Amino acid sequence: MHLDFFWKLRAKHTPVAFGRPILFACQALPLPGNLAVMLSRLQRALVLCAVVFAALLVVCQSAAAHDIPIDVTAQLIAKPAGEHLLLLARVPLKAMRDVEFPVRGPGYLDLDHADTQLGEAANLWVGNAIEIYEGESRLPRPRVVETRVSLESDRSFISYEDALAHVTGPRLPSTTQVYWDQVMLDVLFDYPIHSDQARFSIHPGLGRLGERVVIVLRFQPPGGAVRAFEFVGDPGLVRLDPSWQQAALRFIDLGFFHILGGTDHLLFLFCLVIPFRRFRALVPVVTAFTVAHSITLIASAYNLAPNFLWFPPLIETLIAISILYMAIENIVGVTKIQRRWMVAFGFGLVHGFGFSFALRQTLQFAGSHMLASLLSFNVGVELGQILMLALFIPALEILFRYVVAERIGTIIVSALVAHTAWHWMADRANILSQYRFQRPALNVVLLAVAMRWMMALLILFGLAWLAWGVLGNRMDLGSARKLWAALRPRRSPPSVQ
């Protein structure tokens, strides 16, 4: 039977009446033909679409079952002993996304048949991701000694001894009913080493376990105190027992790039430079700023700074005020060198607290060389400041020589900086206003801290008075020499006859 009528009807209504897969199947049919052939091919197309849809559904469900965890906490404990370095690791089992663990019943982890998969997951996701160095030599791949499944409520990783006893102790009962994505994987790795007295480094590349990975690392050297580390993501190579040279190099690098990335500190430095565009004139100003922020930075590192919640936003607000003040001073024209270095010293104390906030998470890499690391951080900051001065001074010279007059240019540039600082001050003051200020309790600890700061302030005022006297004497001597040169009678040249 010919189907001319049906084909005309198809050509007119198919694009609207049928879905895209059916439309493709119909368009693949020859023009008028047997109705049975058309229906057979249409049936095949529908079956094919159903199979593809079912496959996509299975893939989506599988992907949903192995989603990347958002927050993951990994705990590591390392201890060298003799010719072995033992590393205990605890990570969530749900972060092992490429391993299919045996389940039973409604999805409970089959503890009796999961040993092989646990070993594979330990090697794939933990052992292969962690790199440990003895000196400068990387250790070979570790051997998995033991694996254990633990409940999330287990607290055995509070110390090396408890964690080791737990991993080498009895397993969970096989009748434990727990889902595979609600347990922890504990692993004991064994690394061969030459000596437990060597300096070890570790690169815990566990960042792929989740979107945000917090690594808590404890290193227990033989006969020494436990050193704790905590960092987010991939910290790079971590020196577990750094020498003072290694700590110094790391903190010089941190200080250098911190000042380059600190917009508020750079704007303050820029305001200091605008009126004095000569290195010799800037020496006392920059030196005063450096000494001041070094004092408060070291004091904060040794826990001498207030630890109230409102203190960091207060310092950030004061930093914005310091930039605004310096910009206004440039606009008004109060730019005497004697005044500028004292102002730089005062505001440098505030900026030192700001530097200390950036060091809170990085001081853990100092090892036993706290003071050397702090001084090295200051060296890095000063190197960054020298670099920026080398850029600021020529740029301002070109601006004031070829673009705009010096006084007008100083006002315009300072006004732009003041505008930015004003908005920073308003935003930070708004954040500061959300904190509740409580009067600290009057106790022995508060009195001790107050006495320390009073002694530090007395020393600072004494140093400032001494520096002022030295500079004042030099300036008076220079003024006297200039006055004598101007007043002394000049000899007239002999007349030529």
Protein backbone atom coordinates (compact mmCIF):
# COMPACT_ATOMS: atom_id res chain seq x y z
CA MET A 1 0.00 0.00 0.00
CA HIS A 2 1.41 3.40 -0.96
CA LEU A 3 1.56 6.12 1.65
CA ASP A 4 1.68 9.34 -0.35
CA PHE A 5 -0.96 10.88 1.82
CA PHE A 6 0.87 10.00 5.04
CA TRP A 7 4.17 11.32 3.74
CA LYS A 8 2.61 14.67 2.89
CA LEU A 9 1.09 14.74 6.38
CA ARG A 10 4.52 13.89 7.88
CA ALA A 11 6.28 16.61 5.91
CA LYS A 12 3.80 19.18 7.18
CA HIS A 13 3.46 18.22 10.87
CA THR A 14 6.46 16.12 11.92
CA PRO A 15 8.73 19.00 13.11
CA VAL A 16 6.06 20.05 15.61
CA ALA A 17 4.38 16.82 16.50
CA PHE A 18 7.41 14.59 17.17
CA GLY A 19 10.62 14.90 19.12
CA ARG A 20 14.05 15.27 17.56
CA PRO A 21 15.08 11.55 17.73
CA ILE A 22 11.82 10.44 16.11
CA LEU A 23 12.17 13.16 13.49
CA PHE A 24 15.63 11.88 12.56
CA ALA A 25 14.31 8.32 12.34
CA CYS A 26 11.45 9.36 10.10
CA GLN A 27 13.69 11.42 7.86
CA ALA A 28 15.91 8.36 7.38
CA LEU A 29 13.01 6.42 5.86
CA PRO A 30 12.66 6.25 2.09
CA LEU A 31 9.85 8.12 0.50
CA PRO A 32 6.66 6.10 -0.04
CA GLY A 33 7.18 2.51 1.02
CA ASN A 34 5.81 -0.31 3.10
CA LEU A 35 4.13 0.72 6.37
CA ALA A 36 5.61 -2.25 8.18
CA VAL A 37 9.17 -1.17 7.27
CA MET A 38 8.51 2.33 8.52
CA LEU A 39 7.08 1.12 11.82
CA SER A 40 9.97 -1.29 12.31
CA ARG A 41 12.57 1.41 11.84
CA LEU A 42 10.65 3.77 14.08
CA GLN A 43 10.60 1.10 16.79
CA ARG A 44 14.38 0.64 16.49
CA ALA A 45 14.91 4.39 16.86
CA LEU A 46 12.78 4.48 20.00
CA VAL A 47 14.66 1.53 21.51
CA LEU A 48 17.98 3.19 20.72
CA CYS A 49 16.89 6.43 22.40
CA ALA A 50 15.76 4.51 25.49
CA VAL A 51 19.11 2.70 25.74
CA VAL A 52 21.06 5.96 25.42
CA PHE A 53 18.88 7.63 28.04
CA ALA A 54 19.34 4.72 30.47
CA ALA A 55 23.12 4.80 29.97
CA LEU A 56 23.24 8.52 30.64
CA LEU A 57 21.16 8.03 33.78
CA VAL A 58 23.54 5.37 35.08
CA VAL A 59 26.58 7.57 34.38
CA CYS A 60 25.02 10.54 36.16
CA GLN A 61 24.14 8.41 39.20
CA SER A 62 27.69 7.01 39.28
CA ALA A 63 29.17 10.50 39.10
CA ALA A 64 26.86 11.70 41.84
CA ALA A 65 28.02 8.82 44.03
CA HIS A 66 31.66 9.92 43.60
CA ASP A 67 31.34 13.68 43.89
CA ILE A 68 34.41 15.63 44.95
CA PRO A 69 34.09 16.43 48.67
CA ILE A 70 33.98 20.11 49.52
CA ASP A 71 35.89 20.10 52.85
CA VAL A 72 38.46 17.43 53.64
CA THR A 73 40.77 17.24 56.66
CA ALA A 74 43.84 15.02 56.37
CA GLN A 75 45.96 14.20 59.44
CA LEU A 76 49.61 13.16 59.14
CA ILE A 77 52.05 12.13 61.89
CA ALA A 78 55.69 11.43 60.97
CA LYS A 79 58.41 10.00 63.19
CA PRO A 80 61.89 8.84 62.13
CA ALA A 81 63.26 5.93 64.14
CA GLY A 82 66.51 4.17 63.29
CA GLU A 83 66.51 3.31 59.58
CA HIS A 84 62.78 3.78 59.13
CA LEU A 85 60.46 6.76 58.96
CA LEU A 86 56.92 5.84 59.95
CA LEU A 87 54.10 7.99 58.60
CA LEU A 88 50.58 7.68 59.97
CA ALA A 89 47.84 9.11 57.76
CA ARG A 90 44.12 9.56 58.28
CA VAL A 91 41.87 10.70 55.41
CA PRO A 92 38.12 10.39 54.72
CA LEU A 93 37.26 7.32 52.68
CA LYS A 94 34.79 9.34 50.61
CA ALA A 95 37.75 11.21 49.07
CA MET A 96 38.90 7.98 47.34
CA ARG A 97 36.84 8.50 44.22
CA ASP A 98 38.41 6.02 41.79
CA VAL A 99 38.08 2.95 44.00
CA GLU A 100 34.95 0.81 44.27
CA PHE A 101 34.64 -0.53 47.80
CA PRO A 102 32.60 -3.70 48.47
CA VAL A 103 29.27 -3.04 50.13
CA ARG A 104 26.57 -5.19 51.61
CA GLY A 105 22.91 -4.75 52.38
CA PRO A 106 21.65 -1.20 51.87
CA GLY A 107 25.16 0.11 51.21
CA TYR A 108 27.14 -0.77 54.34
CA LEU A 109 30.89 -1.19 53.87
CA ASP A 110 31.84 -4.88 53.72
CA LEU A 111 34.73 -4.84 56.18
CA ASP A 112 35.62 -8.52 55.61
CA HIS A 113 36.38 -8.05 51.90
CA ALA A 114 37.70 -4.46 51.74
CA ASP A 115 41.40 -5.00 52.54
CA THR A 116 42.53 -5.08 48.90
CA GLN A 117 40.61 -1.94 47.98
CA LEU A 118 41.83 -0.13 51.10
CA GLY A 119 45.45 -0.87 50.18
CA GLU A 120 44.89 0.32 46.61
CA ALA A 121 43.26 3.54 47.83
CA ALA A 122 46.08 4.15 50.32
CA ASN A 123 48.72 3.84 47.61
CA LEU A 124 46.81 5.73 44.91
CA TRP A 125 45.52 8.70 46.89
CA VAL A 126 47.98 9.07 49.77
CA GLY A 127 51.25 7.22 49.24
CA ASN A 128 51.77 8.38 45.66
CA ALA A 129 50.81 11.97 46.52
CA ILE A 130 53.23 12.49 49.43
CA GLU A 131 56.91 13.16 48.75
CA ILE A 132 59.40 12.94 51.63
CA TYR A 133 63.05 14.01 51.39
CA GLU A 134 66.00 13.05 53.55
CA GLY A 135 68.29 16.02 53.15
CA GLU A 136 68.03 16.73 49.43
CA SER A 137 67.33 13.11 48.37
CA ARG A 138 63.78 11.98 47.80
CA LEU A 139 62.82 8.79 49.61
CA PRO A 140 61.46 5.84 47.58
CA ARG A 141 57.78 4.90 47.51
CA PRO A 142 56.57 3.77 50.94
CA ARG A 143 55.36 0.34 51.93
CA VAL A 144 51.83 0.05 53.27
CA VAL A 145 52.19 -1.74 56.60
CA GLU A 146 48.61 -1.58 57.88
CA THR A 147 45.25 -0.12 56.93
CA ARG A 148 42.29 0.40 59.20
CA VAL A 149 38.75 1.70 58.87
CA SER A 150 37.77 4.07 61.68
CA LEU A 151 34.63 5.84 62.68
CA GLU A 152 34.52 9.61 62.33
CA SER A 153 34.19 9.88 66.12
CA ASP A 154 37.54 8.14 66.74
CA ARG A 155 40.11 10.38 68.51
CA SER A 156 43.21 8.19 68.39
CA PHE A 157 45.20 10.59 66.19
CA ILE A 158 45.80 13.04 69.03
CA SER A 159 49.33 11.65 69.45
CA TYR A 160 51.77 9.39 67.65
CA GLU A 161 51.60 6.65 70.28
CA ASP A 162 47.79 6.48 70.29
CA ALA A 163 47.59 6.56 66.50
CA LEU A 164 50.18 3.79 66.12
CA ALA A 165 48.41 1.62 68.70
CA HIS A 166 45.12 2.16 66.90
CA VAL A 167 46.38 1.34 63.39
CA THR A 168 48.21 -1.79 64.54
CA GLY A 169 45.46 -2.81 66.97
CA PRO A 170 42.17 -4.67 66.51
CA ARG A 171 39.91 -3.87 63.56
CA LEU A 172 36.30 -2.82 63.62
CA PRO A 173 33.94 -5.78 64.04
CA SER A 174 32.75 -7.17 60.73
CA THR A 175 29.16 -6.69 61.87
CA THR A 176 29.60 -2.91 62.08
CA GLN A 177 26.91 -1.25 60.01
CA VAL A 178 28.41 1.90 58.54
CA TYR A 179 28.25 3.41 55.06
CA TRP A 180 31.50 3.58 53.10
CA ASP A 181 31.40 7.38 52.79
CA GLN A 182 31.03 7.91 56.54
CA VAL A 183 34.30 6.38 57.74
CA MET A 184 37.98 7.28 57.85
CA LEU A 185 40.90 5.43 56.27
CA ASP A 186 43.94 5.08 58.57
CA VAL A 187 47.24 3.99 57.01
CA LEU A 188 50.70 3.20 58.35
CA PHE A 189 53.47 3.83 55.79
CA ASP A 190 57.10 2.76 56.16
CA TYR A 191 59.90 4.73 54.42
CA PRO A 192 63.50 3.45 54.43
CA ILE A 193 66.00 6.12 55.56
CA HIS A 194 69.72 6.27 56.35
CA SER A 195 69.58 8.08 59.68
CA ASP A 196 66.88 9.46 61.95
CA GLN A 197 69.13 12.46 62.71
CA ALA A 198 68.90 13.81 59.14
CA ARG A 199 66.87 16.86 58.18
CA PHE A 200 63.59 15.82 56.60
CA SER A 201 61.23 17.66 54.29
CA ILE A 202 57.77 16.75 53.06
CA HIS A 203 55.57 17.77 50.16
CA PRO A 204 52.03 16.66 51.11
CA GLY A 205 50.37 16.83 47.71
CA LEU A 206 46.91 15.94 49.01
CA GLY A 207 45.13 18.89 47.44
CA ARG A 208 43.19 16.68 45.01
CA LEU A 209 41.31 14.94 47.83
CA GLY A 210 38.71 17.70 47.86
CA GLU A 211 37.88 21.24 46.87
CA ARG A 212 39.30 22.59 50.15
CA VAL A 213 41.82 20.39 51.93
CA VAL A 214 43.16 21.17 55.40
CA ILE A 215 46.33 19.25 56.25
CA VAL A 216 47.28 18.84 59.90
CA LEU A 217 50.86 17.59 60.15
CA ARG A 218 52.86 16.68 63.25
CA PHE A 219 56.53 15.78 63.17
CA GLN A 220 58.11 14.04 66.14
CA PRO A 221 61.92 14.07 65.88
CA PRO A 222 63.86 11.62 68.03
CA GLY A 223 64.35 13.12 71.45
CA GLY A 224 62.76 16.44 70.47
CA ALA A 225 59.49 18.28 70.92
CA VAL A 226 56.61 17.69 68.54
CA ARG A 227 56.32 20.29 65.79
CA ALA A 228 52.82 20.98 64.51
CA PHE A 229 51.87 22.37 61.11
CA GLU A 230 48.52 23.26 59.60
CA PHE A 231 47.94 24.55 56.09
CA VAL A 232 45.24 24.68 53.45
CA GLY A 233 45.81 23.14 50.03
CA ASP A 234 49.26 22.43 48.68
CA PRO A 235 51.94 24.23 50.77
CA GLY A 236 54.82 23.08 48.60
CA LEU A 237 57.96 21.67 50.18
CA VAL A 238 57.84 21.97 53.99
CA ARG A 239 61.08 21.77 55.99
CA LEU A 240 60.20 19.75 59.08
CA ASP A 241 63.43 20.73 60.87
CA PRO A 242 64.86 23.68 58.94
CA SER A 243 68.31 25.11 59.48
CA TRP A 244 68.51 28.82 60.17
CA GLN A 245 69.72 29.42 56.59
CA GLN A 246 66.71 27.61 55.14
CA ALA A 247 64.32 29.45 57.45
CA ALA A 248 65.95 32.79 56.62
CA LEU A 249 65.67 32.26 52.87
CA ARG A 250 62.02 31.25 53.16
CA PHE A 251 61.10 34.29 55.23
CA ILE A 252 63.07 36.71 53.07
CA ASP A 253 61.00 35.46 50.17
CA LEU A 254 57.79 35.82 52.20
CA GLY A 255 58.61 39.38 53.26
CA PHE A 256 59.61 40.46 49.75
CA PHE A 257 56.41 39.27 48.11
CA HIS A 258 54.23 40.37 51.03
CA ILE A 259 55.21 44.01 50.64
CA LEU A 260 54.76 43.80 46.88
CA GLY A 261 51.25 42.42 47.36
CA GLY A 262 50.26 44.80 50.17
CA THR A 263 48.49 47.70 48.45
CA ASP A 264 47.94 49.68 51.65
CA HIS A 265 51.62 49.44 52.68
CA LEU A 266 52.73 50.49 49.18
CA LEU A 267 50.40 53.50 49.19
CA PHE A 268 51.79 54.60 52.54
CA LEU A 269 55.32 54.27 51.18
CA PHE A 270 54.27 56.18 48.07
CA CYS A 271 52.97 59.05 50.21
CA LEU A 272 56.29 59.15 52.04
CA VAL A 273 58.16 59.42 48.74
CA ILE A 274 56.14 62.14 46.99
CA PRO A 275 57.74 65.19 48.69
CA PHE A 276 61.25 63.67 48.94
CA ARG A 277 62.42 62.13 45.70
CA ARG A 278 66.06 61.66 46.67
CA PHE A 279 67.40 58.53 48.29
CA ARG A 280 69.57 60.50 50.71
CA ALA A 281 66.61 62.49 52.01
CA LEU A 282 64.50 59.32 52.33
CA VAL A 283 67.06 57.40 54.40
CA PRO A 284 65.92 58.68 57.87
CA VAL A 285 62.24 58.38 56.92
CA VAL A 286 62.43 54.82 55.64
CA THR A 287 64.77 53.81 58.47
CA ALA A 288 62.32 55.11 61.08
CA PHE A 289 59.47 53.22 59.41
CA THR A 290 61.55 50.03 59.27
CA VAL A 291 62.65 50.16 62.91
CA ALA A 292 59.10 50.85 64.08
CA HIS A 293 57.37 48.03 62.22
CA SER A 294 60.17 45.63 63.20
CA ILE A 295 59.53 46.35 66.89
CA THR A 296 55.80 45.64 66.80
CA LEU A 297 56.23 42.69 64.46
CA ILE A 298 58.66 40.96 66.85
CA ALA A 299 56.49 41.86 69.85
CA SER A 300 53.43 40.32 68.19
CA ALA A 301 55.33 37.16 67.28
CA TYR A 302 56.18 36.67 70.96
CA ASN A 303 52.51 37.11 71.98
CA LEU A 304 52.91 40.61 73.42
CA ALA A 305 50.12 42.10 71.31
CA PRO A 306 46.45 42.18 72.37
CA ASN A 307 44.54 39.06 71.34
CA PHE A 308 41.05 40.58 71.22
CA LEU A 309 38.85 39.89 68.20
CA TRP A 310 38.50 43.59 67.47
CA PHE A 311 42.26 44.23 67.38
CA PRO A 312 42.94 43.17 63.73
CA PRO A 313 40.10 45.29 62.26
CA LEU A 314 41.26 48.19 64.48
CA ILE A 315 44.79 47.95 63.04
CA GLU A 316 43.44 47.76 59.48
CA THR A 317 41.39 50.90 60.11
CA LEU A 318 44.41 52.72 61.58
CA ILE A 319 46.49 51.75 58.53
CA ALA A 320 43.90 53.37 56.28
CA ILE A 321 43.94 56.46 58.54
CA SER A 322 47.74 56.62 58.27
CA ILE A 323 47.55 56.70 54.47
CA LEU A 324 44.84 59.37 54.57
CA TYR A 325 46.87 61.49 57.00
CA MET A 326 50.04 61.32 54.92
CA ALA A 327 48.13 62.23 51.77
CA ILE A 328 46.52 65.24 53.48
CA GLU A 329 49.89 66.32 54.83
CA ASN A 330 51.29 66.24 51.28
CA ILE A 331 48.37 68.35 50.05
CA VAL A 332 48.73 70.93 52.82
CA GLY A 333 52.47 71.12 52.27
CA VAL A 334 53.82 70.16 55.69
CA THR A 335 56.80 68.17 54.43
CA LYS A 336 59.74 68.91 56.72
CA ILE A 337 62.13 65.99 57.06
CA GLN A 338 62.28 66.37 60.85
CA ARG A 339 58.52 65.92 61.09
CA ARG A 340 58.19 63.24 58.43
CA TRP A 341 60.51 60.68 60.02
CA MET A 342 58.72 60.95 63.39
CA VAL A 343 55.34 60.46 61.73
CA ALA A 344 56.74 57.50 59.78
CA PHE A 345 58.00 55.98 63.03
CA GLY A 346 54.63 56.33 64.74
CA PHE A 347 52.64 54.86 61.88
CA GLY A 348 55.32 52.20 61.38
CA LEU A 349 54.33 50.77 64.76
CA VAL A 350 50.80 50.32 63.42
CA HIS A 351 51.96 48.76 60.14
CA GLY A 352 54.10 46.30 62.09
CA PHE A 353 50.96 44.81 63.62
CA GLY A 354 49.55 44.51 60.12
CA PHE A 355 52.65 42.58 59.05
CA SER A 356 52.23 40.27 62.05
CA PHE A 357 48.75 39.23 60.91
CA ALA A 358 50.24 37.95 57.65
CA LEU A 359 52.83 35.93 59.59
CA ARG A 360 50.46 34.07 61.88
CA GLN A 361 50.13 31.08 59.58
CA THR A 362 53.71 31.12 58.30
CA LEU A 363 55.65 31.27 61.57
CA GLN A 364 55.09 27.51 61.85
CA PHE A 365 57.73 27.11 59.14
CA ALA A 366 60.39 28.84 61.24
CA GLY A 367 61.21 25.74 63.26
CA SER A 368 63.37 26.68 66.23
CA HIS A 369 64.67 29.85 64.56
CA MET A 370 61.92 32.32 65.43
CA LEU A 371 64.02 35.46 65.80
CA ALA A 372 66.12 34.74 62.70
CA SER A 373 62.94 34.19 60.68
CA LEU A 374 61.40 37.46 61.89
CA LEU A 375 64.52 39.44 61.06
CA SER A 376 64.70 37.73 57.68
CA PHE A 377 61.07 38.69 57.02
CA ASN A 378 61.98 42.30 57.74
CA VAL A 379 64.94 42.02 55.37
CA GLY A 380 62.59 40.80 52.66
CA VAL A 381 60.22 43.69 53.36
CA GLU A 382 63.07 46.17 53.08
CA LEU A 383 64.25 44.66 49.80
CA GLY A 384 60.74 45.05 48.45
CA GLN A 385 60.60 48.65 49.67
CA ILE A 386 63.93 49.45 48.00
CA LEU A 387 62.63 47.99 44.75
CA MET A 388 59.46 50.09 44.94
CA LEU A 389 61.47 53.21 45.79
CA ALA A 390 63.60 52.59 42.72
CA LEU A 391 60.37 52.61 40.71
CA PHE A 392 58.51 55.43 42.51
CA ILE A 393 61.29 58.05 42.46
CA PRO A 394 62.03 58.02 38.69
CA ALA A 395 58.31 57.85 37.88
CA LEU A 396 57.57 60.92 40.01
CA GLU A 397 60.56 62.77 38.57
CA ILE A 398 59.30 62.17 35.03
CA LEU A 399 55.75 63.13 36.02
CA PHE A 400 56.76 66.40 37.67
CA ARG A 401 59.29 67.36 35.01
CA TYR A 402 57.42 66.62 31.78
CA VAL A 403 53.71 66.32 32.62
CA VAL A 404 52.66 68.63 35.45
CA ALA A 405 54.26 71.11 37.83
CA GLU A 406 55.60 69.66 41.05
CA ARG A 407 53.21 71.36 43.47
CA ILE A 408 50.11 70.76 41.38
CA GLY A 409 51.16 67.17 40.69
CA THR A 410 51.73 66.54 44.40
CA ILE A 411 48.23 67.78 45.19
CA ILE A 412 46.59 65.74 42.42
CA VAL A 413 48.38 62.49 43.21
CA SER A 414 47.90 62.88 46.95
CA ALA A 415 44.21 63.65 46.45
CA LEU A 416 43.75 60.41 44.51
CA VAL A 417 45.49 58.47 47.28
CA ALA A 418 43.40 60.25 49.93
CA HIS A 419 40.21 59.35 48.08
CA THR A 420 41.16 55.67 48.07
CA ALA A 421 42.24 55.73 51.72
CA TRP A 422 38.98 57.43 52.72
CA HIS A 423 36.91 54.60 51.26
CA TRP A 424 39.16 52.01 52.90
CA MET A 425 38.81 53.77 56.23
CA ALA A 426 35.01 53.90 55.95
CA ASP A 427 34.69 50.22 54.99
CA ARG A 428 37.07 49.02 57.70
CA ALA A 429 35.51 51.25 60.33
CA ASN A 430 32.14 49.73 59.44
CA ILE A 431 33.55 46.25 60.06
CA LEU A 432 35.16 47.43 63.30
CA SER A 433 31.85 48.83 64.56
CA GLN A 434 30.32 45.34 64.44
CA TYR A 435 32.57 44.12 67.26
CA ARG A 436 31.68 44.51 70.91
CA PHE A 437 34.38 46.17 72.98
CA GLN A 438 34.66 44.68 76.44
CA ARG A 439 36.82 45.95 79.22
CA PRO A 440 39.60 43.42 79.90
CA ALA A 441 39.64 41.76 83.30
CA LEU A 442 42.09 43.33 85.72
CA ASN A 443 44.42 40.49 86.67
CA VAL A 444 48.10 39.65 86.97
CA VAL A 445 48.42 38.75 83.28
CA LEU A 446 47.04 42.11 82.18
CA LEU A 447 49.37 43.98 84.54
CA ALA A 448 52.37 42.01 83.26
CA VAL A 449 51.52 42.82 79.64
CA ALA A 450 50.99 46.49 80.51
CA MET A 451 54.37 46.65 82.27
CA ARG A 452 56.09 45.10 79.24
CA TRP A 453 54.56 47.63 76.89
CA MET A 454 55.39 50.53 79.21
CA MET A 455 59.03 49.42 79.28
CA ALA A 456 59.03 49.07 75.49
CA LEU A 457 57.53 52.55 75.07
CA LEU A 458 60.11 54.06 77.42
CA ILE A 459 62.89 52.47 75.38
CA LEU A 460 61.31 53.73 72.15
CA PHE A 461 60.99 57.27 73.48
CA GLY A 462 64.59 57.15 74.66
CA LEU A 463 65.80 56.03 71.24
CA ALA A 464 63.66 58.69 69.54
CA TRP A 465 65.03 61.39 71.85
CA LEU A 466 68.59 60.25 71.16
CA ALA A 467 68.02 60.20 67.40
CA TRP A 468 66.40 63.60 67.52
CA GLY A 469 69.34 65.01 69.45
CA VAL A 470 71.89 63.60 67.01
CA LEU A 471 69.96 64.85 63.98
CA GLY A 472 69.35 68.19 65.64
CA ASN A 473 73.03 68.68 66.42
CA ARG A 474 73.97 67.80 62.86
CA MET A 475 71.39 70.18 61.50
CA ASP A 476 72.52 72.97 63.87
CA LEU A 477 76.14 72.38 62.87
CA GLY A 478 75.20 72.49 59.21
CA SER A 479 73.16 75.66 59.71
CA ALA A 480 76.04 77.27 61.58
CA ARG A 481 78.45 76.46 58.79
CA LYS A 482 76.10 77.91 56.19
CA LEU A 483 75.63 81.07 58.29
CA TRP A 484 79.38 81.49 58.74
CA ALA A 485 79.94 81.02 55.02
CA ALA A 486 77.37 83.69 54.29
CA LEU A 487 78.68 86.23 56.85
CA ARG A 488 82.42 85.87 56.59
CA PRO A 489 84.07 88.58 54.48
CA ARG A 490 85.15 87.49 51.07
CA ARG A 491 88.54 88.49 49.79
CA SER A 492 88.50 90.48 46.61
CA PRO A 493 90.72 89.10 43.85
CA PRO A 494 93.99 91.01 43.32
CA SER A 495 93.80 93.66 40.63
CA VAL A 496 95.81 93.12 37.52
CA GLN A 497 98.01 96.02 36.63
